[in-house]
């Protein structure tokens, strides 16, 4: 008889029978670069479960990028993330069964710039603002300096603003 998938054998760090399990996540010299922008630099850490952790940092510091890497949705430029379950390294397939990420999503057109997105959505709502007015709105949320950069280069916090 085939063994039940890993995701069916655990819930919040405990087996269905109530026995504590040993989870460990190791970040080994993780680095992530987008174009020429270094987002994560030589990040190493080891955490165990069950437990709770907080990732803190200002907008653009790489928090969402780190979460995407931990969930296996984004590959690090260098380094690796290792998942251990009761001391055994998980295969990529097992990790996909056991790890997920639920994140807020903002529907913007990633190839367009911040200004182009703002112009598009303003006009879609019947607002015909000048570029000067739109730039003032970007200034109010701290993004005027990035007005002509594609949204694809923005951090999650910048997109949410």
N, C-alpha and C. Protein backbone atom coordinates (compact mmCIF):
# COMPACT_ATOMS: atom_id res chain seq x y z
N UNK A 1 0.84 -1.18 0.00
CA UNK A 1 0.00 0.00 0.00
C UNK A 1 0.89 1.25 0.00
N UNK A 2 0.56 2.23 -0.81
CA UNK A 2 1.36 3.45 -0.93
C UNK A 2 1.19 4.31 0.32
N UNK A 3 2.28 5.00 0.68
CA UNK A 3 2.26 5.88 1.84
C UNK A 3 1.45 7.14 1.51
N UNK A 4 0.71 7.66 2.49
CA UNK A 4 -0.07 8.87 2.29
C UNK A 4 0.85 10.04 1.98
N UNK A 5 0.41 10.97 1.13
CA UNK A 5 1.24 12.14 0.85
C UNK A 5 1.58 12.88 2.13
N UNK A 6 2.75 13.49 2.12
CA UNK A 6 3.26 14.20 3.29
C UNK A 6 2.24 15.20 3.82
N UNK A 7 1.59 15.94 2.92
CA UNK A 7 0.64 16.96 3.34
C UNK A 7 -0.54 16.37 4.10
N UNK A 8 -0.86 15.10 3.86
CA UNK A 8 -1.97 14.46 4.57
C UNK A 8 -1.54 13.91 5.92
N UNK A 9 -0.23 13.81 6.16
CA UNK A 9 0.26 13.22 7.40
C UNK A 9 0.53 14.25 8.49
N UNK A 10 0.45 15.52 8.17
CA UNK A 10 0.76 16.51 9.18
C UNK A 10 -0.23 17.66 9.15
N UNK A 11 -0.31 18.36 10.27
CA UNK A 11 -1.15 19.55 10.37
C UNK A 11 -0.54 20.44 11.44
N UNK A 12 -0.11 21.61 11.04
CA UNK A 12 0.45 22.60 11.97
C UNK A 12 1.56 22.03 12.86
N UNK A 13 2.42 21.20 12.29
CA UNK A 13 3.57 20.72 13.05
C UNK A 13 3.32 19.48 13.88
N UNK A 14 2.15 18.90 13.81
CA UNK A 14 1.84 17.69 14.57
C UNK A 14 1.21 16.67 13.64
N UNK A 15 1.49 15.41 13.90
CA UNK A 15 0.84 14.37 13.10
C UNK A 15 -0.62 14.31 13.50
N UNK A 16 -1.40 13.61 12.71
CA UNK A 16 -2.81 13.47 13.03
C UNK A 16 -3.02 12.71 14.34
N UNK A 17 -2.02 11.96 14.77
CA UNK A 17 -2.11 11.22 16.03
C UNK A 17 -1.65 12.05 17.22
N UNK A 18 -1.23 13.28 16.98
CA UNK A 18 -0.83 14.18 18.05
C UNK A 18 0.64 14.10 18.43
N UNK A 19 1.43 13.31 17.71
CA UNK A 19 2.86 13.22 18.00
C UNK A 19 3.58 14.43 17.41
N UNK A 20 4.47 15.01 18.20
CA UNK A 20 5.24 16.15 17.69
C UNK A 20 6.17 15.70 16.58
N UNK A 21 6.30 16.53 15.57
CA UNK A 21 7.19 16.23 14.45
C UNK A 21 8.35 17.22 14.49
N UNK A 22 9.39 16.87 13.80
CA UNK A 22 10.56 17.73 13.73
C UNK A 22 10.72 18.28 12.32
N UNK A 23 10.46 19.57 12.16
CA UNK A 23 10.66 20.27 10.89
C UNK A 23 11.84 21.20 11.05
N UNK A 24 12.63 21.31 10.03
CA UNK A 24 13.73 22.27 10.05
C UNK A 24 13.88 22.85 8.65
N UNK A 25 14.10 24.15 8.59
CA UNK A 25 14.35 24.84 7.33
C UNK A 25 15.71 25.50 7.45
N UNK A 26 16.57 25.23 6.49
CA UNK A 26 17.90 25.82 6.48
C UNK A 26 18.09 26.67 5.24
N UNK A 27 18.48 27.91 5.46
CA UNK A 27 18.86 28.80 4.36
C UNK A 27 20.38 28.80 4.33
N UNK A 28 20.93 28.45 3.19
CA UNK A 28 22.39 28.34 3.08
C UNK A 28 22.91 29.32 2.04
N UNK A 29 23.43 30.43 2.55
CA UNK A 29 24.04 31.49 1.71
C UNK A 29 23.14 31.88 0.54
N UNK A 30 21.87 32.14 0.85
CA UNK A 30 20.89 32.50 -0.17
C UNK A 30 21.14 33.92 -0.64
N UNK A 31 21.16 34.07 -1.94
CA UNK A 31 21.35 35.38 -2.59
C UNK A 31 20.33 35.46 -3.71
N UNK A 32 19.69 36.64 -3.86
CA UNK A 32 18.76 36.84 -4.96
C UNK A 32 19.05 38.19 -5.59
N UNK A 33 19.20 38.18 -6.91
CA UNK A 33 19.48 39.39 -7.68
C UNK A 33 18.43 39.49 -8.78
N UNK A 34 17.81 40.66 -8.92
CA UNK A 34 16.91 40.96 -10.02
C UNK A 34 17.60 41.99 -10.89
N UNK A 35 17.84 41.65 -12.14
CA UNK A 35 18.65 42.49 -13.02
C UNK A 35 19.98 42.74 -12.31
N UNK A 36 20.26 43.96 -11.92
CA UNK A 36 21.50 44.23 -11.19
C UNK A 36 21.24 44.58 -9.73
N UNK A 37 19.98 44.46 -9.30
CA UNK A 37 19.60 44.84 -7.94
C UNK A 37 19.68 43.63 -7.00
N UNK A 38 20.57 43.71 -6.01
CA UNK A 38 20.71 42.63 -5.03
C UNK A 38 19.60 42.80 -3.99
N UNK A 39 18.74 41.80 -3.87
CA UNK A 39 17.62 41.86 -2.94
C UNK A 39 17.94 41.09 -1.66
N UNK A 40 18.54 39.92 -1.79
CA UNK A 40 18.99 39.13 -0.64
C UNK A 40 20.47 38.87 -0.81
N UNK A 41 21.23 39.06 0.25
CA UNK A 41 22.68 38.92 0.16
C UNK A 41 23.19 37.95 1.23
N UNK A 42 23.65 36.78 0.79
CA UNK A 42 24.33 35.82 1.66
C UNK A 42 23.55 35.53 2.93
N UNK A 43 22.27 35.18 2.79
CA UNK A 43 21.39 34.93 3.92
C UNK A 43 21.50 33.48 4.37
N UNK A 44 21.88 33.28 5.62
CA UNK A 44 21.97 31.94 6.20
C UNK A 44 21.21 31.93 7.51
N UNK A 45 20.40 30.88 7.71
CA UNK A 45 19.62 30.75 8.94
C UNK A 45 19.12 29.32 9.05
N UNK A 46 18.74 28.95 10.25
CA UNK A 46 18.14 27.64 10.48
C UNK A 46 17.02 27.82 11.48
N UNK A 47 15.82 27.39 11.12
CA UNK A 47 14.67 27.48 12.02
C UNK A 47 14.02 26.11 12.13
N UNK A 48 13.41 25.86 13.29
CA UNK A 48 12.75 24.59 13.52
C UNK A 48 11.28 24.82 13.84
N UNK A 49 10.49 23.78 13.68
CA UNK A 49 9.06 23.85 13.93
C UNK A 49 8.68 22.75 14.91
N UNK A 50 7.58 22.82 15.59
CA UNK A 50 6.59 23.87 15.43
C UNK A 50 7.05 25.17 16.09
N UNK A 51 6.47 26.26 15.64
CA UNK A 51 6.82 27.57 16.16
C UNK A 51 6.33 28.65 15.23
N UNK A 52 6.61 29.87 15.59
CA UNK A 52 6.22 31.00 14.76
C UNK A 52 7.40 31.96 14.66
N UNK A 53 7.57 32.57 13.51
CA UNK A 53 8.67 33.49 13.27
C UNK A 53 8.12 34.72 12.59
N UNK A 54 8.85 35.80 12.72
CA UNK A 54 8.48 37.05 12.08
C UNK A 54 9.62 37.50 11.19
N UNK A 55 9.27 37.96 10.01
CA UNK A 55 10.26 38.53 9.10
C UNK A 55 9.97 40.02 9.04
N UNK A 56 10.90 40.83 9.50
CA UNK A 56 10.72 42.27 9.57
C UNK A 56 11.69 42.98 8.65
N UNK A 57 11.26 44.12 8.12
CA UNK A 57 12.15 44.95 7.32
C UNK A 57 11.35 46.01 6.59
N UNK A 58 12.02 47.05 6.15
CA UNK A 58 11.32 48.12 5.41
C UNK A 58 10.90 47.65 4.02
N UNK A 59 10.06 48.45 3.37
CA UNK A 59 9.66 48.15 2.00
C UNK A 59 10.90 47.97 1.13
N UNK A 60 10.85 46.95 0.28
CA UNK A 60 11.95 46.72 -0.65
C UNK A 60 13.13 45.98 -0.06
N UNK A 61 13.01 45.50 1.18
CA UNK A 61 14.15 44.83 1.82
C UNK A 61 14.25 43.34 1.49
N UNK A 62 13.25 42.79 0.79
CA UNK A 62 13.33 41.39 0.36
C UNK A 62 12.47 40.41 1.13
N UNK A 63 11.56 40.90 1.99
CA UNK A 63 10.72 40.00 2.78
C UNK A 63 9.87 39.09 1.90
N UNK A 64 9.16 39.66 0.95
CA UNK A 64 8.30 38.85 0.06
C UNK A 64 9.13 37.95 -0.84
N UNK A 65 10.26 38.44 -1.28
CA UNK A 65 11.16 37.61 -2.09
C UNK A 65 11.61 36.40 -1.29
N UNK A 66 11.97 36.61 -0.03
CA UNK A 66 12.38 35.50 0.83
C UNK A 66 11.25 34.50 0.99
N UNK A 67 10.03 34.97 1.23
CA UNK A 67 8.89 34.06 1.37
C UNK A 67 8.65 33.26 0.10
N UNK A 68 8.78 33.90 -1.05
CA UNK A 68 8.60 33.18 -2.32
C UNK A 68 9.68 32.12 -2.51
N UNK A 69 10.90 32.43 -2.10
CA UNK A 69 11.98 31.45 -2.18
C UNK A 69 11.71 30.29 -1.22
N UNK A 70 11.29 30.61 0.00
CA UNK A 70 10.99 29.56 0.98
C UNK A 70 9.87 28.64 0.49
N UNK A 71 8.89 29.21 -0.22
CA UNK A 71 7.77 28.41 -0.73
C UNK A 71 8.12 27.66 -2.01
N UNK A 72 9.29 27.92 -2.56
CA UNK A 72 9.69 27.24 -3.79
C UNK A 72 9.11 27.86 -5.04
N UNK A 73 8.56 29.07 -4.92
CA UNK A 73 7.97 29.75 -6.07
C UNK A 73 9.01 30.54 -6.86
N UNK A 74 10.16 30.76 -6.26
CA UNK A 74 11.22 31.55 -6.86
C UNK A 74 12.55 30.91 -6.47
N UNK A 75 13.42 30.75 -7.43
CA UNK A 75 14.73 30.14 -7.15
C UNK A 75 15.72 31.21 -6.72
N UNK A 76 16.56 30.90 -5.73
CA UNK A 76 17.61 31.86 -5.39
C UNK A 76 18.63 31.94 -6.51
N UNK A 77 19.26 33.09 -6.66
CA UNK A 77 20.33 33.25 -7.64
C UNK A 77 21.52 32.38 -7.23
N UNK A 78 21.79 32.34 -5.93
CA UNK A 78 22.86 31.50 -5.37
C UNK A 78 22.36 30.93 -4.06
N UNK A 79 22.99 29.86 -3.60
CA UNK A 79 22.65 29.25 -2.33
C UNK A 79 21.49 28.28 -2.47
N UNK A 80 21.00 27.80 -1.32
CA UNK A 80 19.91 26.83 -1.35
C UNK A 80 19.07 26.91 -0.09
N UNK A 81 17.85 26.39 -0.20
CA UNK A 81 16.95 26.23 0.93
C UNK A 81 16.73 24.74 1.09
N UNK A 82 16.98 24.24 2.29
CA UNK A 82 16.84 22.81 2.57
C UNK A 82 15.75 22.62 3.61
N UNK A 83 14.80 21.72 3.31
CA UNK A 83 13.75 21.36 4.25
C UNK A 83 14.04 19.96 4.77
N UNK A 84 13.99 19.83 6.11
CA UNK A 84 14.20 18.53 6.75
C UNK A 84 12.94 18.17 7.53
N UNK A 85 12.52 16.95 7.39
CA UNK A 85 11.36 16.43 8.11
C UNK A 85 11.84 15.21 8.89
N UNK A 86 11.81 15.30 10.23
CA UNK A 86 12.35 14.25 11.09
C UNK A 86 13.76 13.85 10.66
N UNK A 87 14.57 14.86 10.30
CA UNK A 87 15.97 14.64 9.96
C UNK A 87 16.24 14.23 8.52
N UNK A 88 15.20 14.01 7.73
CA UNK A 88 15.37 13.58 6.35
C UNK A 88 15.10 14.75 5.41
N UNK A 89 15.99 14.95 4.46
CA UNK A 89 15.84 16.04 3.49
C UNK A 89 14.66 15.75 2.56
N UNK A 90 13.78 16.73 2.42
CA UNK A 90 12.62 16.58 1.53
C UNK A 90 13.04 16.74 0.08
N UNK A 91 12.43 15.97 -0.77
CA UNK A 91 12.62 16.14 -2.21
C UNK A 91 11.82 17.36 -2.64
N UNK A 92 12.09 17.92 -3.82
CA UNK A 92 11.27 19.05 -4.29
C UNK A 92 9.78 18.70 -4.34
N UNK A 93 9.45 17.48 -4.73
CA UNK A 93 8.04 17.06 -4.79
C UNK A 93 7.42 17.06 -3.39
N UNK A 94 8.13 16.53 -2.40
CA UNK A 94 7.62 16.51 -1.03
C UNK A 94 7.47 17.93 -0.48
N UNK A 95 8.42 18.80 -0.82
CA UNK A 95 8.32 20.18 -0.35
C UNK A 95 7.09 20.86 -0.92
N UNK A 96 6.80 20.61 -2.19
CA UNK A 96 5.60 21.21 -2.80
C UNK A 96 4.33 20.72 -2.12
N UNK A 97 4.32 19.48 -1.64
CA UNK A 97 3.16 18.95 -0.93
C UNK A 97 3.00 19.59 0.45
N UNK A 98 4.10 19.96 1.07
CA UNK A 98 4.07 20.39 2.47
C UNK A 98 4.12 21.89 2.69
N UNK A 99 4.56 22.66 1.71
CA UNK A 99 4.79 24.09 1.90
C UNK A 99 3.95 24.89 0.91
N UNK A 100 3.33 25.94 1.40
CA UNK A 100 2.55 26.82 0.53
C UNK A 100 2.70 28.26 0.98
N UNK A 101 2.21 29.15 0.17
CA UNK A 101 2.28 30.58 0.47
C UNK A 101 0.99 31.23 0.02
N UNK A 102 0.38 31.97 0.92
CA UNK A 102 -0.78 32.78 0.59
C UNK A 102 -0.36 34.22 0.79
N UNK A 103 -0.34 34.99 -0.28
CA UNK A 103 0.14 36.36 -0.20
C UNK A 103 -0.87 37.31 -0.85
N UNK A 104 -0.88 38.55 -0.41
CA UNK A 104 -1.77 39.52 -1.06
C UNK A 104 -1.31 39.76 -2.49
N UNK A 105 -2.26 39.97 -3.36
CA UNK A 105 -1.92 40.19 -4.76
C UNK A 105 -2.61 41.46 -5.25
N UNK A 106 -1.87 42.28 -5.92
CA UNK A 106 -2.41 43.50 -6.50
C UNK A 106 -2.29 43.36 -8.01
N UNK A 107 -3.39 43.56 -8.71
CA UNK A 107 -3.42 43.35 -10.16
C UNK A 107 -2.94 44.60 -10.89
N UNK A 108 -1.64 44.67 -11.16
CA UNK A 108 -1.06 45.73 -11.97
C UNK A 108 -0.42 45.09 -13.19
N UNK A 109 -0.21 45.88 -14.21
CA UNK A 109 0.46 45.38 -15.41
C UNK A 109 1.96 45.51 -15.20
N UNK A 110 2.61 44.38 -14.94
CA UNK A 110 4.02 44.37 -14.55
C UNK A 110 4.97 44.98 -15.59
N UNK A 111 4.72 44.84 -16.91
CA UNK A 111 5.65 45.46 -17.86
C UNK A 111 5.53 46.99 -17.93
N UNK A 112 4.38 47.53 -17.50
CA UNK A 112 4.18 48.98 -17.54
C UNK A 112 4.87 49.65 -16.36
N UNK A 113 5.16 50.92 -16.51
CA UNK A 113 5.75 51.69 -15.41
C UNK A 113 4.67 52.04 -14.39
N UNK A 114 5.10 52.55 -13.24
CA UNK A 114 4.15 52.99 -12.22
C UNK A 114 3.23 54.07 -12.78
N UNK A 115 3.81 55.03 -13.49
CA UNK A 115 3.02 56.12 -14.07
C UNK A 115 2.03 55.58 -15.11
N UNK A 116 2.47 54.67 -15.96
CA UNK A 116 1.57 54.11 -16.98
C UNK A 116 0.43 53.33 -16.34
N UNK A 117 0.70 52.58 -15.28
CA UNK A 117 -0.35 51.86 -14.57
C UNK A 117 -1.35 52.84 -13.95
N UNK A 118 -0.83 53.88 -13.31
CA UNK A 118 -1.70 54.86 -12.68
C UNK A 118 -2.57 55.56 -13.72
N UNK A 119 -1.97 55.93 -14.84
CA UNK A 119 -2.72 56.57 -15.92
C UNK A 119 -3.82 55.64 -16.45
N UNK A 120 -3.47 54.37 -16.69
CA UNK A 120 -4.43 53.40 -17.23
C UNK A 120 -5.63 53.23 -16.29
N UNK A 121 -5.35 52.98 -14.99
CA UNK A 121 -6.45 52.72 -14.06
C UNK A 121 -7.26 53.98 -13.77
N UNK A 122 -6.62 55.15 -13.80
CA UNK A 122 -7.37 56.40 -13.64
C UNK A 122 -8.35 56.56 -14.80
N UNK A 123 -7.86 56.38 -16.02
CA UNK A 123 -8.73 56.53 -17.19
C UNK A 123 -9.83 55.48 -17.24
N UNK A 124 -9.51 54.27 -16.79
CA UNK A 124 -10.52 53.20 -16.75
C UNK A 124 -11.66 53.57 -15.81
N UNK A 125 -11.38 54.43 -14.84
CA UNK A 125 -12.41 54.89 -13.91
C UNK A 125 -12.97 56.26 -14.31
N UNK A 126 -12.59 56.72 -15.49
CA UNK A 126 -13.12 57.99 -15.98
C UNK A 126 -12.41 59.22 -15.44
N UNK A 127 -11.22 59.05 -14.88
CA UNK A 127 -10.44 60.17 -14.34
C UNK A 127 -9.37 60.53 -15.36
N UNK A 128 -9.43 61.75 -15.89
CA UNK A 128 -8.46 62.20 -16.90
C UNK A 128 -7.51 63.18 -16.26
N UNK A 129 -6.57 62.67 -15.48
CA UNK A 129 -5.60 63.50 -14.77
C UNK A 129 -4.36 63.69 -15.64
N UNK A 130 -3.72 64.84 -15.48
CA UNK A 130 -2.47 65.10 -16.20
C UNK A 130 -1.35 64.26 -15.58
N UNK A 131 -0.26 64.10 -16.33
CA UNK A 131 0.88 63.37 -15.79
C UNK A 131 1.41 64.06 -14.53
N UNK A 132 1.35 65.39 -14.50
CA UNK A 132 1.78 66.12 -13.31
C UNK A 132 0.96 65.74 -12.08
N UNK A 133 -0.37 65.63 -12.27
CA UNK A 133 -1.23 65.23 -11.16
C UNK A 133 -0.93 63.80 -10.72
N UNK A 134 -0.73 62.93 -11.71
CA UNK A 134 -0.42 61.53 -11.39
C UNK A 134 0.92 61.42 -10.66
N UNK A 135 1.90 62.21 -11.09
CA UNK A 135 3.20 62.21 -10.42
C UNK A 135 3.07 62.70 -8.97
N UNK A 136 2.17 63.65 -8.75
CA UNK A 136 1.92 64.11 -7.38
C UNK A 136 1.36 62.98 -6.51
N UNK A 137 0.48 62.15 -7.10
CA UNK A 137 -0.05 61.01 -6.35
C UNK A 137 1.07 60.01 -6.04
N UNK A 138 1.95 59.79 -7.00
CA UNK A 138 3.09 58.90 -6.74
C UNK A 138 4.00 59.48 -5.66
N UNK A 139 4.14 60.79 -5.65
CA UNK A 139 4.94 61.46 -4.61
C UNK A 139 4.33 61.20 -3.23
N UNK A 140 3.02 61.25 -3.14
CA UNK A 140 2.33 61.07 -1.86
C UNK A 140 2.57 59.69 -1.26
N UNK A 141 2.83 58.70 -2.11
CA UNK A 141 3.08 57.34 -1.60
C UNK A 141 4.56 56.97 -1.69
N UNK A 142 5.40 57.97 -1.94
CA UNK A 142 6.85 57.74 -1.93
C UNK A 142 7.40 57.02 -3.14
N UNK A 143 6.71 57.13 -4.29
CA UNK A 143 7.16 56.41 -5.48
C UNK A 143 7.49 57.30 -6.67
N UNK A 144 7.53 58.61 -6.48
CA UNK A 144 7.79 59.49 -7.62
C UNK A 144 9.14 59.17 -8.28
N UNK A 145 10.15 58.87 -7.50
CA UNK A 145 11.47 58.58 -8.06
C UNK A 145 11.46 57.31 -8.91
N UNK A 146 10.45 56.47 -8.73
CA UNK A 146 10.36 55.21 -9.49
C UNK A 146 9.22 55.27 -10.51
N UNK A 147 8.70 56.45 -10.81
CA UNK A 147 7.55 56.60 -11.71
C UNK A 147 7.76 55.99 -13.08
N UNK A 148 8.98 56.00 -13.58
CA UNK A 148 9.26 55.52 -14.94
C UNK A 148 9.90 54.13 -14.95
N UNK A 149 9.90 53.47 -13.79
CA UNK A 149 10.42 52.11 -13.70
C UNK A 149 9.28 51.11 -13.89
N UNK A 150 9.54 49.98 -14.54
CA UNK A 150 8.48 48.98 -14.69
C UNK A 150 8.08 48.42 -13.32
N UNK A 151 6.80 48.16 -13.15
CA UNK A 151 6.29 47.60 -11.90
C UNK A 151 6.95 46.26 -11.60
N UNK A 152 7.40 45.55 -12.62
CA UNK A 152 8.06 44.26 -12.40
C UNK A 152 9.32 44.39 -11.55
N UNK A 153 9.87 45.59 -11.44
CA UNK A 153 11.09 45.79 -10.64
C UNK A 153 10.76 46.23 -9.21
N UNK A 154 9.47 46.33 -8.87
CA UNK A 154 9.06 46.82 -7.56
C UNK A 154 8.96 45.69 -6.54
N UNK A 155 9.19 46.04 -5.27
CA UNK A 155 8.94 45.10 -4.17
C UNK A 155 7.43 45.00 -3.96
N UNK A 156 7.02 44.01 -3.18
CA UNK A 156 5.59 43.84 -2.89
C UNK A 156 5.03 45.07 -2.19
N UNK A 157 5.77 45.61 -1.24
CA UNK A 157 5.31 46.80 -0.53
C UNK A 157 5.12 47.99 -1.45
N UNK A 158 6.02 48.14 -2.41
CA UNK A 158 5.90 49.24 -3.38
C UNK A 158 4.66 49.04 -4.25
N UNK A 159 4.41 47.83 -4.68
CA UNK A 159 3.22 47.54 -5.51
C UNK A 159 1.96 47.84 -4.72
N UNK A 160 1.93 47.49 -3.45
CA UNK A 160 0.74 47.72 -2.64
C UNK A 160 0.46 49.20 -2.43
N UNK A 161 1.52 50.01 -2.38
CA UNK A 161 1.30 51.46 -2.25
C UNK A 161 0.64 51.98 -3.49
